[in-house]
């Protein structure tokens, strides 16, 4: 685990097929219209470019787990 926030945790991972290091954020708590907030965050992160941030690669939704 790399970090923890109010809505979830962030893990460090590695995509073997692509040879890339990744950060994986797992949402643990959705409040109210949380999906709207999730997509707003995805949009913001995908446009962010900074030397201390990992490049946005993609997202997925896997039910409730």
C-alpha atoms as a PDB file:
ATOM      1  CA  UNK A   1       0.000   0.000   0.000  1.00  0.00           C
ATOM      2  CA  UNK A   2       1.306   3.424  -0.982  1.00  0.00           C
ATOM      3  CA  UNK A   3      -1.353   5.589   0.649  1.00  0.00           C
ATOM      4  CA  UNK A   4      -4.833   5.829   2.106  1.00  0.00           C
ATOM      5  CA  UNK A   5      -7.456   8.548   1.836  1.00  0.00           C
ATOM      6  CA  UNK A   6     -11.060   9.149   2.792  1.00  0.00           C
ATOM      7  CA  UNK A   7     -12.465   7.134  -0.108  1.00  0.00           C
ATOM      8  CA  UNK A   8      -9.899   4.428  -0.769  1.00  0.00           C
ATOM      9  CA  UNK A   9      -6.360   3.111  -0.863  1.00  0.00           C
ATOM     10  CA  UNK A  10      -3.565   3.289  -3.425  1.00  0.00           C
ATOM     11  CA  UNK A  11      -1.327   0.329  -4.191  1.00  0.00           C
ATOM     12  CA  UNK A  12       1.875   0.037  -6.207  1.00  0.00           C
ATOM     13  CA  UNK A  13       1.765  -2.565  -8.954  1.00  0.00           C
ATOM     14  CA  UNK A  14       3.529  -3.832 -12.053  1.00  0.00           C
ATOM     15  CA  UNK A  15       1.984  -4.752 -15.416  1.00  0.00           C
ATOM     16  CA  UNK A  16       4.258  -7.574 -16.560  1.00  0.00           C
ATOM     17  CA  UNK A  17       3.019  -7.666 -20.165  1.00  0.00           C
ATOM     18  CA  UNK A  18       3.784  -3.971 -20.642  1.00  0.00           C
ATOM     19  CA  UNK A  19       6.753  -3.756 -18.289  1.00  0.00           C
ATOM     20  CA  UNK A  20       5.252  -0.766 -16.470  1.00  0.00           C
ATOM     21  CA  UNK A  21       5.038   0.321 -12.869  1.00  0.00           C
ATOM     22  CA  UNK A  22       1.521   1.441 -11.952  1.00  0.00           C
ATOM     23  CA  UNK A  23      -0.448   2.934  -9.093  1.00  0.00           C
ATOM     24  CA  UNK A  24      -3.830   1.299  -8.477  1.00  0.00           C
ATOM     25  CA  UNK A  25      -6.487   3.203  -6.548  1.00  0.00           C
ATOM     26  CA  UNK A  26      -9.239   1.082  -5.004  1.00  0.00           C
ATOM     27  CA  UNK A  27     -12.365   3.002  -4.046  1.00  0.00           C
ATOM     28  CA  UNK A  28     -13.696   1.709  -0.729  1.00  0.00           C
ATOM     29  CA  UNK A  29     -16.528   4.127  -0.036  1.00  0.00           C
ATOM     30  CA  UNK A  30     -19.030   5.677  -2.448  1.00  0.00           C
ATOM     31  CA  UNK A  31     -21.216   8.397  -0.948  1.00  0.00           C
ATOM     32  CA  UNK A  32     -24.331   9.837  -2.587  1.00  0.00           C
ATOM     33  CA  UNK A  33     -23.634  10.456  -6.259  1.00  0.00           C
ATOM     34  CA  UNK A  34     -20.118   9.019  -5.867  1.00  0.00           C
ATOM     35  CA  UNK A  35     -19.820   7.732  -9.406  1.00  0.00           C
ATOM     36  CA  UNK A  36     -20.011  11.308 -10.667  1.00  0.00           C
ATOM     37  CA  UNK A  37     -17.114  12.201  -8.344  1.00  0.00           C
ATOM     38  CA  UNK A  38     -15.147   9.180  -9.543  1.00  0.00           C
ATOM     39  CA  UNK A  39     -15.459  10.190 -13.196  1.00  0.00           C
ATOM     40  CA  UNK A  40     -14.553  13.799 -12.343  1.00  0.00           C
ATOM     41  CA  UNK A  41     -11.385  12.530 -10.634  1.00  0.00           C
ATOM     42  CA  UNK A  42     -10.536  10.277 -13.594  1.00  0.00           C
ATOM     43  CA  UNK A  43     -10.922  13.250 -15.932  1.00  0.00           C
ATOM     44  CA  UNK A  44      -8.681  15.468 -13.783  1.00  0.00           C
ATOM     45  CA  UNK A  45      -5.991  12.833 -13.267  1.00  0.00           C
ATOM     46  CA  UNK A  46      -5.901  11.910 -16.950  1.00  0.00           C
ATOM     47  CA  UNK A  47      -5.020  15.516 -17.830  1.00  0.00           C
ATOM     48  CA  UNK A  48      -2.473  16.057 -15.032  1.00  0.00           C
ATOM     49  CA  UNK A  49       1.180  16.068 -15.995  1.00  0.00           C
ATOM     50  CA  UNK A  50       3.869  16.437 -13.342  1.00  0.00           C
ATOM     51  CA  UNK A  51       7.209  14.758 -12.657  1.00  0.00           C
ATOM     52  CA  UNK A  52       5.948  13.504  -9.264  1.00  0.00           C
ATOM     53  CA  UNK A  53       2.751  11.942 -10.647  1.00  0.00           C
ATOM     54  CA  UNK A  54       2.409   8.666 -12.476  1.00  0.00           C
ATOM     55  CA  UNK A  55       0.971   8.966 -15.980  1.00  0.00           C
ATOM     56  CA  UNK A  56      -2.700   8.052 -16.213  1.00  0.00           C
ATOM     57  CA  UNK A  57      -3.057   4.737 -18.036  1.00  0.00           C
ATOM     58  CA  UNK A  58      -6.698   3.718 -17.652  1.00  0.00           C
ATOM     59  CA  UNK A  59      -9.445   2.655 -15.304  1.00  0.00           C
ATOM     60  CA  UNK A  60     -11.833  -0.213 -14.738  1.00  0.00           C
ATOM     61  CA  UNK A  61     -14.931  -0.978 -12.729  1.00  0.00           C
ATOM     62  CA  UNK A  62     -15.347  -4.426 -11.222  1.00  0.00           C
ATOM     63  CA  UNK A  63     -18.634  -4.459  -9.349  1.00  0.00           C
ATOM     64  CA  UNK A  64     -18.477  -4.039  -5.615  1.00  0.00           C
ATOM     65  CA  UNK A  65     -15.020  -5.504  -5.007  1.00  0.00           C
END
